[in-house]
Amino acid sequence: MPDPTGGDELEPDDFPVHAERNELKTQDGEKIAEAKTKQLAENIAQRLNEQAHREEEDRWSA
């Protein structure tokens, strides 16, 4: 979800992100980035989702 204050940060409810062709999109279908290739977009989405998952686990374990 876009930050109403103009920031460009992803929020927890934007996850999981997914790749659609060479675009990265939030779970609501909002385009958040574009990669050079489909494979790169898929790799970026996977890494973002893994990082978000780790951060969520850290919040629960703290």
PDB file of N, CA and C in Angstrom:
ATOM      1  N   MET A   1       0.850  -1.170   0.000  1.00  0.00           N
ATOM      2  CA  MET A   1       0.000   0.000   0.000  1.00  0.00           C
ATOM      3  C   MET A   1       0.898   1.236   0.000  1.00  0.00           C
ATOM      4  N   PRO A   2       0.655   2.200  -0.870  1.00  0.00           N
ATOM      5  CA  PRO A   2       1.500   3.381  -0.918  1.00  0.00           C
ATOM      6  C   PRO A   2       1.391   4.179   0.379  1.00  0.00           C
ATOM      7  N   ASP A   3       2.505   4.773   0.759  1.00  0.00           N
ATOM      8  CA  ASP A   3       2.548   5.602   1.960  1.00  0.00           C
ATOM      9  C   ASP A   3       1.930   6.962   1.640  1.00  0.00           C
ATOM     10  N   PRO A   4       0.876   7.386   2.368  1.00  0.00           N
ATOM     11  CA  PRO A   4       0.223   8.663   2.062  1.00  0.00           C
ATOM     12  C   PRO A   4       1.133   9.861   2.291  1.00  0.00           C
ATOM     13  N   THR A   5       2.226   9.690   3.036  1.00  0.00           N
ATOM     14  CA  THR A   5       3.155  10.788   3.272  1.00  0.00           C
ATOM     15  C   THR A   5       4.175  10.913   2.153  1.00  0.00           C
ATOM     16  N   GLY A   6       4.091  10.051   1.150  1.00  0.00           N
ATOM     17  CA  GLY A   6       4.969  10.143  -0.002  1.00  0.00           C
ATOM     18  C   GLY A   6       6.157   9.206   0.050  1.00  0.00           C
ATOM     19  N   GLY A   7       6.274   8.392   1.108  1.00  0.00           N
ATOM     20  CA  GLY A   7       7.382   7.440   1.209  1.00  0.00           C
ATOM     21  C   GLY A   7       7.181   6.276   0.261  1.00  0.00           C
ATOM     22  N   ASP A   8       8.261   5.590  -0.011  1.00  0.00           N
ATOM     23  CA  ASP A   8       8.207   4.467  -0.948  1.00  0.00           C
ATOM     24  C   ASP A   8       8.548   3.162  -0.256  1.00  0.00           C
ATOM     25  N   GLU A   9       7.984   2.928   0.922  1.00  0.00           N
ATOM     26  CA  GLU A   9       8.279   1.714   1.669  1.00  0.00           C
ATOM     27  C   GLU A   9       7.154   0.712   1.526  1.00  0.00           C
ATOM     28  N   LEU A  10       7.537  -0.555   1.489  1.00  0.00           N
ATOM     29  CA  LEU A  10       6.539  -1.618   1.473  1.00  0.00           C
ATOM     30  C   LEU A  10       6.046  -1.847   2.892  1.00  0.00           C
ATOM     31  N   GLU A  11       4.787  -2.135   3.023  1.00  0.00           N
ATOM     32  CA  GLU A  11       4.172  -2.413   4.313  1.00  0.00           C
ATOM     33  C   GLU A  11       3.936  -3.914   4.428  1.00  0.00           C
ATOM     34  N   PRO A  12       3.804  -4.433   5.647  1.00  0.00           N
ATOM     35  CA  PRO A  12       3.571  -5.872   5.819  1.00  0.00           C
ATOM     36  C   PRO A  12       2.378  -6.402   5.028  1.00  0.00           C
ATOM     37  N   ASP A  13       1.334  -5.585   4.875  1.00  0.00           N
ATOM     38  CA  ASP A  13       0.158  -6.079   4.140  1.00  0.00           C
ATOM     39  C   ASP A  13       0.362  -6.073   2.622  1.00  0.00           C
ATOM     40  N   ASP A  14       1.530  -5.609   2.148  1.00  0.00           N
ATOM     41  CA  ASP A  14       1.851  -5.681   0.722  1.00  0.00           C
ATOM     42  C   ASP A  14       2.349  -7.072   0.326  1.00  0.00           C
ATOM     43  N   PHE A  15       2.697  -7.882   1.319  1.00  0.00           N
ATOM     44  CA  PHE A  15       3.291  -9.198   1.069  1.00  0.00           C
ATOM     45  C   PHE A  15       2.250 -10.290   1.089  1.00  0.00           C
ATOM     46  N   PRO A  16       2.488 -11.361   0.372  1.00  0.00           N
ATOM     47  CA  PRO A  16       3.677 -11.623  -0.436  1.00  0.00           C
ATOM     48  C   PRO A  16       3.625 -10.862  -1.750  1.00  0.00           C
ATOM     49  N   VAL A  17       4.796 -10.481  -2.231  1.00  0.00           N
ATOM     50  CA  VAL A  17       4.879  -9.866  -3.554  1.00  0.00           C
ATOM     51  C   VAL A  17       5.058 -10.992  -4.568  1.00  0.00           C
ATOM     52  N   HIS A  18       4.752 -10.712  -5.811  1.00  0.00           N
ATOM     53  CA  HIS A  18       4.908 -11.727  -6.851  1.00  0.00           C
ATOM     54  C   HIS A  18       5.388 -11.073  -8.139  1.00  0.00           C
ATOM     55  N   ALA A  19       5.945 -11.906  -9.000  1.00  0.00           N
ATOM     56  CA  ALA A  19       6.418 -11.439 -10.299  1.00  0.00           C
ATOM     57  C   ALA A  19       5.371 -11.762 -11.352  1.00  0.00           C
ATOM     58  N   GLU A  20       5.119 -10.771 -12.169  1.00  0.00           N
ATOM     59  CA  GLU A  20       4.202 -10.950 -13.302  1.00  0.00           C
ATOM     60  C   GLU A  20       4.944 -10.421 -14.522  1.00  0.00           C
ATOM     61  N   ARG A  21       5.391 -11.341 -15.357  1.00  0.00           N
ATOM     62  CA  ARG A  21       6.348 -11.023 -16.434  1.00  0.00           C
ATOM     63  C   ARG A  21       7.588 -10.422 -15.779  1.00  0.00           C
ATOM     64  N   ASN A  22       7.983  -9.222 -16.130  1.00  0.00           N
ATOM     65  CA  ASN A  22       9.164  -8.627 -15.507  1.00  0.00           C
ATOM     66  C   ASN A  22       8.794  -7.573 -14.455  1.00  0.00           C
ATOM     67  N   GLU A  23       7.538  -7.563 -14.024  1.00  0.00           N
ATOM     68  CA  GLU A  23       7.077  -6.611 -13.016  1.00  0.00           C
ATOM     69  C   GLU A  23       6.919  -7.291 -11.664  1.00  0.00           C
ATOM     70  N   LEU A  24       7.208  -6.533 -10.615  1.00  0.00           N
ATOM     71  CA  LEU A  24       6.964  -6.985  -9.251  1.00  0.00           C
ATOM     72  C   LEU A  24       5.690  -6.304  -8.779  1.00  0.00           C
ATOM     73  N   LYS A  25       4.813  -7.088  -8.172  1.00  0.00           N
ATOM     74  CA  LYS A  25       3.529  -6.549  -7.735  1.00  0.00           C
ATOM     75  C   LYS A  25       3.225  -6.996  -6.311  1.00  0.00           C
ATOM     76  N   THR A  26       2.470  -6.156  -5.611  1.00  0.00           N
ATOM     77  CA  THR A  26       2.025  -6.516  -4.270  1.00  0.00           C
ATOM     78  C   THR A  26       0.929  -7.558  -4.385  1.00  0.00           C
ATOM     79  N   GLN A  27       0.515  -8.091  -3.238  1.00  0.00           N
ATOM     80  CA  GLN A  27      -0.549  -9.095  -3.272  1.00  0.00           C
ATOM     81  C   GLN A  27      -1.851  -8.516  -3.816  1.00  0.00           C
ATOM     82  N   ASP A  28      -2.004  -7.182  -3.799  1.00  0.00           N
ATOM     83  CA  ASP A  28      -3.196  -6.534  -4.345  1.00  0.00           C
ATOM     84  C   ASP A  28      -3.064  -6.204  -5.830  1.00  0.00           C
ATOM     85  N   GLY A  29      -1.907  -6.559  -6.420  1.00  0.00           N
ATOM     86  CA  GLY A  29      -1.709  -6.323  -7.846  1.00  0.00           C
ATOM     87  C   GLY A  29      -1.113  -4.977  -8.184  1.00  0.00           C
ATOM     88  N   GLU A  30      -0.694  -4.199  -7.190  1.00  0.00           N
ATOM     89  CA  GLU A  30      -0.101  -2.893  -7.441  1.00  0.00           C
ATOM     90  C   GLU A  30       1.352  -3.072  -7.889  1.00  0.00           C
ATOM     91  N   LYS A  31       1.705  -2.471  -9.009  1.00  0.00           N
ATOM     92  CA  LYS A  31       3.073  -2.563  -9.524  1.00  0.00           C
ATOM     93  C   LYS A  31       3.995  -1.767  -8.613  1.00  0.00           C
ATOM     94  N   ILE A  32       5.083  -2.420  -8.161  1.00  0.00           N
ATOM     95  CA  ILE A  32       6.021  -1.742  -7.274  1.00  0.00           C
ATOM     96  C   ILE A  32       7.413  -1.611  -7.882  1.00  0.00           C
ATOM     97  N   ALA A  33       7.709  -2.401  -8.891  1.00  0.00           N
ATOM     98  CA  ALA A  33       9.027  -2.326  -9.530  1.00  0.00           C
ATOM     99  C   ALA A  33       9.007  -3.075 -10.847  1.00  0.00           C
ATOM    100  N   GLU A  34      10.049  -2.827 -11.630  1.00  0.00           N
ATOM    101  CA  GLU A  34      10.216  -3.522 -12.899  1.00  0.00           C
ATOM    102  C   GLU A  34      11.656  -4.006 -12.986  1.00  0.00           C
ATOM    103  N   ALA A  35      11.841  -5.235 -13.375  1.00  0.00           N
ATOM    104  CA  ALA A  35      13.172  -5.820 -13.527  1.00  0.00           C
ATOM    105  C   ALA A  35      13.490  -5.969 -15.013  1.00  0.00           C
ATOM    106  N   LYS A  36      14.746  -6.241 -15.306  1.00  0.00           N
ATOM    107  CA  LYS A  36      15.153  -6.391 -16.706  1.00  0.00           C
ATOM    108  C   LYS A  36      14.598  -7.654 -17.343  1.00  0.00           C
ATOM    109  N   THR A  37      14.432  -8.723 -16.526  1.00  0.00           N
ATOM    110  CA  THR A  37      13.933  -9.989 -17.064  1.00  0.00           C
ATOM    111  C   THR A  37      12.912 -10.600 -16.108  1.00  0.00           C
ATOM    112  N   LYS A  38      12.149 -11.556 -16.623  1.00  0.00           N
ATOM    113  CA  LYS A  38      11.179 -12.273 -15.797  1.00  0.00           C
ATOM    114  C   LYS A  38      11.895 -13.056 -14.701  1.00  0.00           C
ATOM    115  N   GLN A  39      13.004 -13.702 -15.046  1.00  0.00           N
ATOM    116  CA  GLN A  39      13.752 -14.498 -14.073  1.00  0.00           C
ATOM    117  C   GLN A  39      14.263 -13.610 -12.934  1.00  0.00           C
ATOM    118  N   LEU A  40      14.768 -12.434 -13.257  1.00  0.00           N
ATOM    119  CA  LEU A  40      15.254 -11.512 -12.239  1.00  0.00           C
ATOM    120  C   LEU A  40      14.103 -11.036 -11.351  1.00  0.00           C
ATOM    121  N   ALA A  41      12.945 -10.749 -11.944  1.00  0.00           N
ATOM    122  CA  ALA A  41      11.783 -10.323 -11.169  1.00  0.00           C
ATOM    123  C   ALA A  41      11.362 -11.424 -10.196  1.00  0.00           C
ATOM    124  N   GLU A  42      11.382 -12.671 -10.646  1.00  0.00           N
ATOM    125  CA  GLU A  42      11.011 -13.786  -9.781  1.00  0.00           C
ATOM    126  C   GLU A  42      12.004 -13.945  -8.629  1.00  0.00           C
ATOM    127  N   ASN A  43      13.292 -13.755  -8.923  1.00  0.00           N
ATOM    128  CA  ASN A  43      14.321 -13.854  -7.900  1.00  0.00           C
ATOM    129  C   ASN A  43      14.163 -12.743  -6.860  1.00  0.00           C
ATOM    130  N   ILE A  44      13.908 -11.537  -7.304  1.00  0.00           N
ATOM    131  CA  ILE A  44      13.716 -10.411  -6.394  1.00  0.00           C
ATOM    132  C   ILE A  44      12.489 -10.640  -5.523  1.00  0.00           C
ATOM    133  N   ALA A  45      11.391 -11.079  -6.118  1.00  0.00           N
ATOM    134  CA  ALA A  45      10.173 -11.345  -5.352  1.00  0.00           C
ATOM    135  C   ALA A  45      10.425 -12.402  -4.283  1.00  0.00           C
ATOM    136  N   GLN A  46      11.131 -13.462  -4.643  1.00  0.00           N
ATOM    137  CA  GLN A  46      11.429 -14.520  -3.681  1.00  0.00           C
ATOM    138  C   GLN A  46      12.250 -13.975  -2.520  1.00  0.00           C
ATOM    139  N   ARG A  47      13.262 -13.188  -2.811  1.00  0.00           N
ATOM    140  CA  ARG A  47      14.111 -12.630  -1.761  1.00  0.00           C
ATOM    141  C   ARG A  47      13.349 -11.658  -0.867  1.00  0.00           C
ATOM    142  N   LEU A  48      12.519 -10.827  -1.464  1.00  0.00           N
ATOM    143  CA  LEU A  48      11.718  -9.898  -0.655  1.00  0.00           C
ATOM    144  C   LEU A  48      10.772 -10.660   0.266  1.00  0.00           C
ATOM    145  N   ASN A  49      10.142 -11.696  -0.260  1.00  0.00           N
ATOM    146  CA  ASN A  49       9.214 -12.482   0.551  1.00  0.00           C
ATOM    147  C   ASN A  49       9.938 -13.213   1.679  1.00  0.00           C
ATOM    148  N   GLU A  50      11.124 -13.742   1.391  1.00  0.00           N
ATOM    149  CA  GLU A  50      11.897 -14.418   2.433  1.00  0.00           C
ATOM    150  C   GLU A  50      12.299 -13.441   3.530  1.00  0.00           C
ATOM    151  N   GLN A  51      12.724 -12.241   3.143  1.00  0.00           N
ATOM    152  CA  GLN A  51      13.117 -11.233   4.128  1.00  0.00           C
ATOM    153  C   GLN A  51      11.919 -10.805   4.966  1.00  0.00           C
ATOM    154  N   ALA A  52      10.784 -10.601   4.337  1.00  0.00           N
ATOM    155  CA  ALA A  52       9.578 -10.210   5.075  1.00  0.00           C
ATOM    156  C   ALA A  52       9.181 -11.311   6.055  1.00  0.00           C
ATOM    157  N   HIS A  53       9.328 -12.554   5.643  1.00  0.00           N
ATOM    158  CA  HIS A  53       8.991 -13.681   6.512  1.00  0.00           C
ATOM    159  C   HIS A  53       9.927 -13.714   7.725  1.00  0.00           C
ATOM    160  N   ARG A  54      11.220 -13.511   7.498  1.00  0.00           N
ATOM    161  CA  ARG A  54      12.182 -13.478   8.602  1.00  0.00           C
ATOM    162  C   ARG A  54      11.868 -12.346   9.575  1.00  0.00           C
ATOM    163  N   GLU A  55      11.529 -11.175   9.053  1.00  0.00           N
ATOM    164  CA  GLU A  55      11.207 -10.035   9.910  1.00  0.00           C
ATOM    165  C   GLU A  55       9.957 -10.322  10.741  1.00  0.00           C
ATOM    166  N   GLU A  56       8.982 -10.965  10.132  1.00  0.00           N
ATOM    167  CA  GLU A  56       7.760 -11.324  10.862  1.00  0.00           C
ATOM    168  C   GLU A  56       8.077 -12.324  11.968  1.00  0.00           C
ATOM    169  N   GLU A  57       8.908 -13.320  11.673  1.00  0.00           N
ATOM    170  CA  GLU A  57       9.301 -14.290  12.705  1.00  0.00           C
ATOM    171  C   GLU A  57      10.064 -13.608  13.833  1.00  0.00           C
ATOM    172  N   ASP A  58      10.930 -12.652  13.508  1.00  0.00           N
ATOM    173  CA  ASP A  58      11.677 -11.927  14.530  1.00  0.00           C
ATOM    174  C   ASP A  58      10.752 -11.147  15.443  1.00  0.00           C
ATOM    175  N   ARG A  59       9.706 -10.549  14.886  1.00  0.00           N
ATOM    176  CA  ARG A  59       8.743  -9.804  15.716  1.00  0.00           C
ATOM    177  C   ARG A  59       8.039 -10.737  16.692  1.00  0.00           C
ATOM    178  N   TRP A  60       7.710 -11.925  16.241  1.00  0.00           N
ATOM    179  CA  TRP A  60       7.008 -12.873  17.108  1.00  0.00           C
ATOM    180  C   TRP A  60       7.918 -13.465  18.178  1.00  0.00           C
ATOM    181  N   SER A  61       9.208 -13.604  17.874  1.00  0.00           N
ATOM    182  CA  SER A  61      10.116 -14.224  18.829  1.00  0.00           C
ATOM    183  C   SER A  61      10.690 -13.233  19.838  1.00  0.00           C
ATOM    184  N   ALA A  62      10.528 -11.958  19.581  1.00  0.00           N
ATOM    185  CA  ALA A  62      11.102 -10.931  20.486  1.00  0.00           C
ATOM    186  C   ALA A  62      10.285 -10.749  21.730  1.00  0.00           C
TER     187      ALA A  62
END
